[in-house]
Amino acid sequence: MTVIFALIALALGIAAGLVVLLVGELRWEARNRLPKCTTCGEQHHRHAAR
C-alpha cells in the first residue's frame, strides 16, 4: 500500500505543477494580448491620446 500512496502523491505533485504552469501561461498570454478597440472593434494597439 505504501508504494501506491507514494505514486498517488507523485501524480498529485505533477498535476499541481502542471496547473501552476498552465495558470502562469494563461496570465502571460492575457497580459500580452492586444486590446480590443472600442471604436472599430479590431484588436490593435491603443490610439494616440489627443
PDB file of N, CA and C in Angstrom:
ATOM      1  N   MET A   1       0.816  -1.205   0.000  1.00  0.00           N
ATOM      2  CA  MET A   1       0.000   0.000   0.000  1.00  0.00           C
ATOM      3  C   MET A   1       0.852   1.258   0.000  1.00  0.00           C
ATOM      4  N   THR A   2       2.011   1.201   0.622  1.00  0.00           N
ATOM      5  CA  THR A   2       2.855   2.386   0.700  1.00  0.00           C
ATOM      6  C   THR A   2       3.309   2.836  -0.685  1.00  0.00           C
ATOM      7  N   VAL A   3       3.579   1.879  -1.567  1.00  0.00           N
ATOM      8  CA  VAL A   3       4.010   2.219  -2.921  1.00  0.00           C
ATOM      9  C   VAL A   3       2.880   2.916  -3.670  1.00  0.00           C
ATOM     10  N   ILE A   4       1.668   2.450  -3.479  1.00  0.00           N
ATOM     11  CA  ILE A   4       0.525   3.075  -4.147  1.00  0.00           C
ATOM     12  C   ILE A   4       0.339   4.507  -3.661  1.00  0.00           C
ATOM     13  N   PHE A   5       0.450   4.708  -2.353  1.00  0.00           N
ATOM     14  CA  PHE A   5       0.327   6.070  -1.812  1.00  0.00           C
ATOM     15  C   PHE A   5       1.434   6.978  -2.325  1.00  0.00           C
ATOM     16  N   ALA A   6       2.642   6.444  -2.462  1.00  0.00           N
ATOM     17  CA  ALA A   6       3.751   7.231  -2.985  1.00  0.00           C
ATOM     18  C   ALA A   6       3.501   7.622  -4.437  1.00  0.00           C
ATOM     19  N   LEU A   7       2.969   6.692  -5.235  1.00  0.00           N
ATOM     20  CA  LEU A   7       2.668   7.005  -6.628  1.00  0.00           C
ATOM     21  C   LEU A   7       1.533   8.018  -6.743  1.00  0.00           C
ATOM     22  N   ILE A   8       0.537   7.900  -5.884  1.00  0.00           N
ATOM     23  CA  ILE A   8      -0.560   8.871  -5.881  1.00  0.00           C
ATOM     24  C   ILE A   8      -0.033  10.253  -5.502  1.00  0.00           C
ATOM     25  N   ALA A   9       0.821  10.313  -4.493  1.00  0.00           N
ATOM     26  CA  ALA A   9       1.389  11.594  -4.079  1.00  0.00           C
ATOM     27  C   ALA A   9       2.236  12.197  -5.207  1.00  0.00           C
ATOM     28  N   LEU A  10       3.000  11.364  -5.908  1.00  0.00           N
ATOM     29  CA  LEU A  10       3.815  11.834  -7.030  1.00  0.00           C
ATOM     30  C   LEU A  10       2.923  12.370  -8.146  1.00  0.00           C
ATOM     31  N   ALA A  11       1.855  11.644  -8.455  1.00  0.00           N
ATOM     32  CA  ALA A  11       0.943  12.075  -9.509  1.00  0.00           C
ATOM     33  C   ALA A  11       0.266  13.397  -9.135  1.00  0.00           C
ATOM     34  N   LEU A  12      -0.125  13.555  -7.880  1.00  0.00           N
ATOM     35  CA  LEU A  12      -0.738  14.809  -7.439  1.00  0.00           C
ATOM     36  C   LEU A  12       0.252  15.970  -7.510  1.00  0.00           C
ATOM     37  N   GLY A  13       1.500  15.704  -7.153  1.00  0.00           N
ATOM     38  CA  GLY A  13       2.529  16.741  -7.247  1.00  0.00           C
ATOM     39  C   GLY A  13       2.764  17.173  -8.676  1.00  0.00           C
ATOM     40  N   ILE A  14       2.811  16.214  -9.590  1.00  0.00           N
ATOM     41  CA  ILE A  14       2.998  16.543 -11.009  1.00  0.00           C
ATOM     42  C   ILE A  14       1.794  17.314 -11.532  1.00  0.00           C
ATOM     43  N   ALA A  15       0.590  16.896 -11.164  1.00  0.00           N
ATOM     44  CA  ALA A  15      -0.616  17.590 -11.607  1.00  0.00           C
ATOM     45  C   ALA A  15      -0.636  19.029 -11.085  1.00  0.00           C
ATOM     46  N   ALA A  16      -0.248  19.233  -9.838  1.00  0.00           N
ATOM     47  CA  ALA A  16      -0.218  20.583  -9.274  1.00  0.00           C
ATOM     48  C   ALA A  16       0.811  21.445 -10.017  1.00  0.00           C
ATOM     49  N   GLY A  17       1.949  20.878 -10.341  1.00  0.00           N
ATOM     50  CA  GLY A  17       2.960  21.613 -11.091  1.00  0.00           C
ATOM     51  C   GLY A  17       2.476  22.018 -12.471  1.00  0.00           C
ATOM     52  N   LEU A  18       1.753  21.117 -13.137  1.00  0.00           N
ATOM     53  CA  LEU A  18       1.213  21.437 -14.459  1.00  0.00           C
ATOM     54  C   LEU A  18       0.145  22.524 -14.375  1.00  0.00           C
ATOM     55  N   VAL A  19      -0.646  22.514 -13.327  1.00  0.00           N
ATOM     56  CA  VAL A  19      -1.658  23.561 -13.144  1.00  0.00           C
ATOM     57  C   VAL A  19      -0.982  24.911 -12.950  1.00  0.00           C
ATOM     58  N   VAL A  20       0.087  24.942 -12.167  1.00  0.00           N
ATOM     59  CA  VAL A  20       0.813  26.196 -11.949  1.00  0.00           C
ATOM     60  C   VAL A  20       1.380  26.714 -13.269  1.00  0.00           C
ATOM     61  N   LEU A  21       1.947  25.824 -14.073  1.00  0.00           N
ATOM     62  CA  LEU A  21       2.480  26.245 -15.371  1.00  0.00           C
ATOM     63  C   LEU A  21       1.371  26.742 -16.290  1.00  0.00           C
ATOM     64  N   LEU A  22       0.240  26.071 -16.303  1.00  0.00           N
ATOM     65  CA  LEU A  22      -0.873  26.477 -17.153  1.00  0.00           C
ATOM     66  C   LEU A  22      -1.417  27.840 -16.750  1.00  0.00           C
ATOM     67  N   VAL A  23      -1.603  28.060 -15.464  1.00  0.00           N
ATOM     68  CA  VAL A  23      -2.117  29.348 -14.993  1.00  0.00           C
ATOM     69  C   VAL A  23      -1.136  30.467 -15.327  1.00  0.00           C
ATOM     70  N   GLY A  24       0.154  30.205 -15.148  1.00  0.00           N
ATOM     71  CA  GLY A  24       1.164  31.215 -15.498  1.00  0.00           C
ATOM     72  C   GLY A  24       1.151  31.548 -16.975  1.00  0.00           C
ATOM     73  N   GLU A  25       0.996  30.537 -17.813  1.00  0.00           N
ATOM     74  CA  GLU A  25       0.947  30.758 -19.259  1.00  0.00           C
ATOM     75  C   GLU A  25      -0.300  31.552 -19.644  1.00  0.00           C
ATOM     76  N   LEU A  26      -1.442  31.222 -19.065  1.00  0.00           N
ATOM     77  CA  LEU A  26      -2.672  31.948 -19.369  1.00  0.00           C
ATOM     78  C   LEU A  26      -2.591  33.404 -18.918  1.00  0.00           C
ATOM     79  N   ARG A  27      -1.992  33.653 -17.760  1.00  0.00           N
ATOM     80  CA  ARG A  27      -1.843  35.029 -17.277  1.00  0.00           C
ATOM     81  C   ARG A  27      -0.917  35.812 -18.191  1.00  0.00           C
ATOM     82  N   TRP A  28       0.188  35.187 -18.644  1.00  0.00           N
ATOM     83  CA  TRP A  28       1.135  35.861 -19.529  1.00  0.00           C
ATOM     84  C   TRP A  28       0.462  36.203 -20.854  1.00  0.00           C
ATOM     85  N   GLU A  29      -0.315  35.249 -21.384  1.00  0.00           N
ATOM     86  CA  GLU A  29      -0.992  35.478 -22.658  1.00  0.00           C
ATOM     87  C   GLU A  29      -2.023  36.595 -22.542  1.00  0.00           C
ATOM     88  N   ALA A  30      -2.770  36.626 -21.457  1.00  0.00           N
ATOM     89  CA  ALA A  30      -3.779  37.675 -21.267  1.00  0.00           C
ATOM     90  C   ALA A  30      -3.124  39.034 -21.101  1.00  0.00           C
ATOM     91  N   ARG A  31      -1.975  39.072 -20.461  1.00  0.00           N
ATOM     92  CA  ARG A  31      -1.294  40.345 -20.230  1.00  0.00           C
ATOM     93  C   ARG A  31      -0.726  40.906 -21.533  1.00  0.00           C
ATOM     94  N   ASN A  32      -0.327  40.042 -22.466  1.00  0.00           N
ATOM     95  CA  ASN A  32       0.317  40.497 -23.693  1.00  0.00           C
ATOM     96  C   ASN A  32      -0.625  40.552 -24.889  1.00  0.00           C
ATOM     97  N   ARG A  33      -1.900  40.259 -24.674  1.00  0.00           N
ATOM     98  CA  ARG A  33      -2.867  40.299 -25.765  1.00  0.00           C
ATOM     99  C   ARG A  33      -3.141  41.746 -26.154  1.00  0.00           C
ATOM    100  N   LEU A  34      -3.311  41.982 -27.438  1.00  0.00           N
ATOM    101  CA  LEU A  34      -3.633  43.325 -27.899  1.00  0.00           C
ATOM    102  C   LEU A  34      -5.046  43.674 -27.436  1.00  0.00           C
ATOM    103  N   PRO A  35      -5.247  44.901 -26.980  1.00  0.00           N
ATOM    104  CA  PRO A  35      -6.589  45.291 -26.523  1.00  0.00           C
ATOM    105  C   PRO A  35      -7.542  45.461 -27.704  1.00  0.00           C
ATOM    106  N   LYS A  36      -8.818  45.218 -27.460  1.00  0.00           N
ATOM    107  CA  LYS A  36      -9.828  45.409 -28.492  1.00  0.00           C
ATOM    108  C   LYS A  36     -10.222  46.886 -28.518  1.00  0.00           C
ATOM    109  N   CYS A  37     -10.212  47.469 -29.686  1.00  0.00           N
ATOM    110  CA  CYS A  37     -10.534  48.878 -29.861  1.00  0.00           C
ATOM    111  C   CYS A  37     -12.027  49.096 -29.619  1.00  0.00           C
ATOM    112  N   THR A  38     -12.355  50.127 -28.854  1.00  0.00           N
ATOM    113  CA  THR A  38     -13.760  50.429 -28.576  1.00  0.00           C
ATOM    114  C   THR A  38     -14.411  51.177 -29.731  1.00  0.00           C
ATOM    115  N   THR A  39     -13.604  51.698 -30.675  1.00  0.00           N
ATOM    116  CA  THR A  39     -14.144  52.442 -31.808  1.00  0.00           C
ATOM    117  C   THR A  39     -14.478  51.521 -32.976  1.00  0.00           C
ATOM    118  N   CYS A  40     -13.509  50.709 -33.383  1.00  0.00           N
ATOM    119  CA  CYS A  40     -13.714  49.875 -34.574  1.00  0.00           C
ATOM    120  C   CYS A  40     -13.909  48.398 -34.243  1.00  0.00           C
ATOM    121  N   GLY A  41     -13.578  47.965 -33.021  1.00  0.00           N
ATOM    122  CA  GLY A  41     -13.768  46.578 -32.630  1.00  0.00           C
ATOM    123  C   GLY A  41     -12.628  45.654 -32.999  1.00  0.00           C
ATOM    124  N   GLU A  42     -11.625  46.168 -33.707  1.00  0.00           N
ATOM    125  CA  GLU A  42     -10.469  45.352 -34.072  1.00  0.00           C
ATOM    126  C   GLU A  42      -9.481  45.277 -32.910  1.00  0.00           C
ATOM    127  N   GLN A  43      -8.581  44.313 -32.999  1.00  0.00           N
ATOM    128  CA  GLN A  43      -7.538  44.201 -31.981  1.00  0.00           C
ATOM    129  C   GLN A  43      -6.266  44.853 -32.512  1.00  0.00           C
ATOM    130  N   HIS A  44      -5.881  45.965 -31.900  1.00  0.00           N
ATOM    131  CA  HIS A  44      -4.643  46.650 -32.261  1.00  0.00           C
ATOM    132  C   HIS A  44      -4.232  47.526 -31.081  1.00  0.00           C
ATOM    133  N   HIS A  45      -3.061  48.134 -31.202  1.00  0.00           N
ATOM    134  CA  HIS A  45      -2.571  48.972 -30.124  1.00  0.00           C
ATOM    135  C   HIS A  45      -3.496  50.170 -29.940  1.00  0.00           C
ATOM    136  N   ARG A  46      -3.464  50.730 -28.748  1.00  0.00           N
ATOM    137  CA  ARG A  46      -4.355  51.833 -28.433  1.00  0.00           C
ATOM    138  C   ARG A  46      -4.043  53.051 -29.315  1.00  0.00           C
ATOM    139  N   HIS A  47      -5.072  53.834 -29.564  1.00  0.00           N
ATOM    140  CA  HIS A  47      -4.901  55.056 -30.344  1.00  0.00           C
ATOM    141  C   HIS A  47      -4.115  56.073 -29.527  1.00  0.00           C
ATOM    142  N   ALA A  48      -3.425  56.970 -30.217  1.00  0.00           N
ATOM    143  CA  ALA A  48      -2.669  58.000 -29.530  1.00  0.00           C
ATOM    144  C   ALA A  48      -3.625  58.964 -28.821  1.00  0.00           C
ATOM    145  N   ALA A  49      -3.206  59.447 -27.669  1.00  0.00           N
ATOM    146  CA  ALA A  49      -4.025  60.408 -26.935  1.00  0.00           C
ATOM    147  C   ALA A  49      -4.052  61.733 -27.678  1.00  0.00           C
ATOM    148  N   ARG A  50      -5.190  62.397 -27.661  1.00  0.00           N
ATOM    149  CA  ARG A  50      -5.297  63.672 -28.382  1.00  0.00           C
ATOM    150  C   ARG A  50      -5.222  64.815 -27.430  1.00  0.00           C
TER     151      ARG A  50
END
